[in-house]
């Protein structure tokens, strides 16, 4: 009976450690984002941070305005 409890405890500890290790590995992977180039200055910025104007990408509202007077 003690052997069964010991076996269950070892398996439980192994499962918890494996779960924690795989969680850390997934969290440490960098997120790859699509980068766009500002049509005014050429700065590369993530797509979700870009300002879109007339189907062109800009790094800021100011550059969008300067390129389209």
N, C-alpha and C. Protein backbone atom coordinates (compact mmCIF):
# COMPACT_ATOMS: atom_id res chain seq x y z
N UNK A 1 0.82 -1.19 0.00
CA UNK A 1 0.00 0.00 0.00
C UNK A 1 0.87 1.26 0.00
N UNK A 2 1.94 1.26 0.79
CA UNK A 2 2.84 2.41 0.85
C UNK A 2 3.54 2.62 -0.49
N UNK A 3 3.82 1.54 -1.18
CA UNK A 3 4.49 1.64 -2.47
C UNK A 3 3.59 2.34 -3.49
N UNK A 4 2.30 2.06 -3.45
CA UNK A 4 1.36 2.70 -4.37
C UNK A 4 1.31 4.20 -4.11
N UNK A 5 1.23 4.61 -2.84
CA UNK A 5 1.21 6.04 -2.51
C UNK A 5 2.52 6.71 -2.92
N UNK A 6 3.62 6.04 -2.71
CA UNK A 6 4.92 6.59 -3.10
C UNK A 6 5.00 6.74 -4.62
N UNK A 7 4.53 5.76 -5.34
CA UNK A 7 4.52 5.83 -6.80
C UNK A 7 3.63 6.97 -7.30
N UNK A 8 2.45 7.12 -6.69
CA UNK A 8 1.55 8.21 -7.07
C UNK A 8 2.19 9.56 -6.77
N UNK A 9 2.86 9.69 -5.62
CA UNK A 9 3.52 10.94 -5.26
C UNK A 9 4.63 11.29 -6.24
N UNK A 10 5.43 10.31 -6.62
CA UNK A 10 6.52 10.53 -7.58
C UNK A 10 5.95 10.95 -8.93
N UNK A 11 4.92 10.28 -9.39
CA UNK A 11 4.29 10.64 -10.66
C UNK A 11 3.67 12.04 -10.62
N UNK A 12 3.07 12.39 -9.50
CA UNK A 12 2.48 13.72 -9.35
C UNK A 12 3.56 14.80 -9.39
N UNK A 13 4.65 14.58 -8.68
CA UNK A 13 5.76 15.54 -8.69
C UNK A 13 6.35 15.66 -10.09
N UNK A 14 6.54 14.55 -10.77
CA UNK A 14 7.07 14.56 -12.14
C UNK A 14 6.14 15.35 -13.06
N UNK A 15 4.82 15.12 -12.94
CA UNK A 15 3.86 15.81 -13.79
C UNK A 15 3.87 17.32 -13.53
N UNK A 16 3.92 17.73 -12.27
CA UNK A 16 3.94 19.15 -11.93
C UNK A 16 5.20 19.81 -12.47
N UNK A 17 6.35 19.19 -12.29
CA UNK A 17 7.60 19.76 -12.80
C UNK A 17 7.60 19.86 -14.32
N UNK A 18 7.10 18.87 -14.98
CA UNK A 18 7.02 18.89 -16.45
C UNK A 18 6.09 20.00 -16.93
N UNK A 19 4.98 20.18 -16.26
CA UNK A 19 4.03 21.23 -16.62
C UNK A 19 4.65 22.62 -16.42
N UNK A 20 5.34 22.82 -15.31
CA UNK A 20 5.97 24.11 -15.04
C UNK A 20 7.07 24.40 -16.05
N UNK A 21 7.86 23.40 -16.39
CA UNK A 21 8.94 23.59 -17.34
C UNK A 21 8.41 23.94 -18.73
N UNK A 22 7.35 23.29 -19.17
CA UNK A 22 6.79 23.58 -20.49
C UNK A 22 6.11 24.94 -20.51
N UNK A 23 5.56 25.39 -19.40
CA UNK A 23 4.96 26.71 -19.31
C UNK A 23 5.99 27.81 -19.43
N UNK A 24 7.15 27.63 -18.82
CA UNK A 24 8.22 28.62 -18.91
C UNK A 24 8.78 28.68 -20.32
N UNK A 25 8.90 27.55 -20.96
CA UNK A 25 9.46 27.51 -22.32
C UNK A 25 8.53 28.26 -23.29
N UNK A 26 7.24 28.10 -23.13
CA UNK A 26 6.30 28.77 -24.02
C UNK A 26 6.29 30.27 -23.76
N UNK A 27 6.45 30.68 -22.51
CA UNK A 27 6.42 32.10 -22.18
C UNK A 27 7.69 32.81 -22.63
N UNK A 28 8.80 32.09 -22.74
CA UNK A 28 10.05 32.73 -23.09
C UNK A 28 10.26 32.88 -24.60
N UNK A 29 9.39 32.29 -25.41
CA UNK A 29 9.54 32.42 -26.86
C UNK A 29 9.16 33.83 -27.29
N UNK A 30 10.00 34.49 -28.06
CA UNK A 30 9.67 35.85 -28.50
C UNK A 30 8.55 35.83 -29.53
N UNK A 31 7.73 36.86 -29.49
CA UNK A 31 6.65 37.00 -30.46
C UNK A 31 7.22 37.66 -31.72
N UNK A 32 7.00 37.04 -32.84
CA UNK A 32 7.49 37.58 -34.10
C UNK A 32 6.36 38.42 -34.71
N UNK A 33 6.68 39.70 -34.96
CA UNK A 33 5.68 40.60 -35.53
C UNK A 33 6.10 41.03 -36.92
N UNK A 34 5.11 41.31 -37.74
CA UNK A 34 5.36 41.80 -39.08
C UNK A 34 5.80 43.26 -38.98
N UNK A 35 6.94 43.60 -39.58
CA UNK A 35 7.48 44.94 -39.51
C UNK A 35 7.18 45.69 -40.82
N UNK A 36 6.85 46.97 -40.68
CA UNK A 36 6.58 47.82 -41.83
C UNK A 36 7.55 49.00 -41.81
N UNK A 37 7.85 49.52 -42.97
CA UNK A 37 8.74 50.65 -43.10
C UNK A 37 7.93 51.93 -43.27
N UNK A 38 8.27 52.97 -42.52
CA UNK A 38 7.61 54.27 -42.65
C UNK A 38 7.93 54.83 -44.03
N UNK A 39 6.90 55.24 -44.77
CA UNK A 39 7.09 55.77 -46.13
C UNK A 39 7.76 57.14 -46.12
N UNK A 40 7.81 57.80 -44.97
CA UNK A 40 8.42 59.13 -44.89
C UNK A 40 9.89 59.06 -44.49
N UNK A 41 10.19 58.32 -43.40
CA UNK A 41 11.57 58.32 -42.89
C UNK A 41 12.27 56.97 -43.00
N UNK A 42 11.54 55.90 -43.30
CA UNK A 42 12.15 54.59 -43.47
C UNK A 42 12.29 53.78 -42.19
N UNK A 43 11.85 54.32 -41.05
CA UNK A 43 11.93 53.59 -39.78
C UNK A 43 11.05 52.35 -39.84
N UNK A 44 11.57 51.23 -39.35
CA UNK A 44 10.79 50.00 -39.30
C UNK A 44 10.06 49.93 -37.97
N UNK A 45 8.76 49.67 -38.03
CA UNK A 45 7.91 49.59 -36.85
C UNK A 45 7.00 48.38 -36.96
N UNK A 46 6.54 47.83 -35.81
CA UNK A 46 5.60 46.71 -35.86
C UNK A 46 4.30 47.12 -36.54
N UNK A 47 3.72 46.20 -37.25
CA UNK A 47 2.51 46.48 -38.03
C UNK A 47 1.38 47.01 -37.15
N UNK A 48 1.24 46.49 -35.94
CA UNK A 48 0.15 46.93 -35.08
C UNK A 48 0.36 48.32 -34.50
N UNK A 49 1.56 48.90 -34.62
CA UNK A 49 1.83 50.26 -34.14
C UNK A 49 1.88 51.28 -35.27
N UNK A 50 1.80 50.83 -36.50
CA UNK A 50 1.93 51.73 -37.66
C UNK A 50 0.65 52.54 -37.85
N UNK A 51 0.83 53.75 -38.37
CA UNK A 51 -0.29 54.61 -38.74
C UNK A 51 -0.52 54.42 -40.23
N UNK A 52 -1.75 54.07 -40.59
CA UNK A 52 -2.10 53.83 -42.00
C UNK A 52 -2.79 55.05 -42.57
N UNK A 53 -2.35 55.50 -43.75
CA UNK A 53 -2.97 56.63 -44.44
C UNK A 53 -2.82 56.42 -45.94
N UNK A 54 -3.94 56.43 -46.66
CA UNK A 54 -3.94 56.20 -48.11
C UNK A 54 -3.18 54.92 -48.47
N UNK A 55 -3.43 53.86 -47.73
CA UNK A 55 -2.82 52.54 -47.90
C UNK A 55 -1.29 52.57 -47.82
N UNK A 56 -0.74 53.56 -47.12
CA UNK A 56 0.70 53.63 -46.85
C UNK A 56 0.90 53.57 -45.35
N UNK A 57 2.07 53.10 -44.92
CA UNK A 57 2.37 52.96 -43.51
C UNK A 57 3.34 54.05 -43.05
N UNK A 58 3.07 54.59 -41.87
CA UNK A 58 3.91 55.63 -41.28
C UNK A 58 4.17 55.30 -39.81
N UNK A 59 5.27 55.86 -39.29
CA UNK A 59 5.60 55.61 -37.89
C UNK A 59 4.85 56.54 -36.95
N UNK A 60 4.28 57.64 -37.45
CA UNK A 60 3.54 58.57 -36.61
C UNK A 60 2.54 59.35 -37.46
N UNK A 61 1.60 60.01 -36.77
CA UNK A 61 0.62 60.85 -37.47
C UNK A 61 1.31 62.03 -38.15
N UNK A 62 2.36 62.53 -37.50
CA UNK A 62 3.09 63.67 -38.06
C UNK A 62 3.71 63.33 -39.42
N UNK A 63 4.30 62.16 -39.54
CA UNK A 63 4.91 61.77 -40.80
C UNK A 63 3.85 61.52 -41.87
N UNK A 64 2.70 61.01 -41.48
CA UNK A 64 1.61 60.81 -42.44
C UNK A 64 1.15 62.17 -42.98
N UNK A 65 1.08 63.16 -42.09
CA UNK A 65 0.65 64.51 -42.51
C UNK A 65 1.70 65.18 -43.38
N UNK A 66 2.98 65.02 -43.03
CA UNK A 66 4.05 65.66 -43.79
C UNK A 66 4.16 65.08 -45.21
N UNK A 67 3.91 63.78 -45.34
CA UNK A 67 4.03 63.13 -46.64
C UNK A 67 2.80 63.42 -47.53
N UNK A 68 1.70 63.83 -46.91
CA UNK A 68 0.44 64.11 -47.63
C UNK A 68 -0.06 65.49 -47.25
N UNK A 69 0.53 66.53 -47.78
CA UNK A 69 0.14 67.90 -47.37
C UNK A 69 -1.27 68.26 -47.80
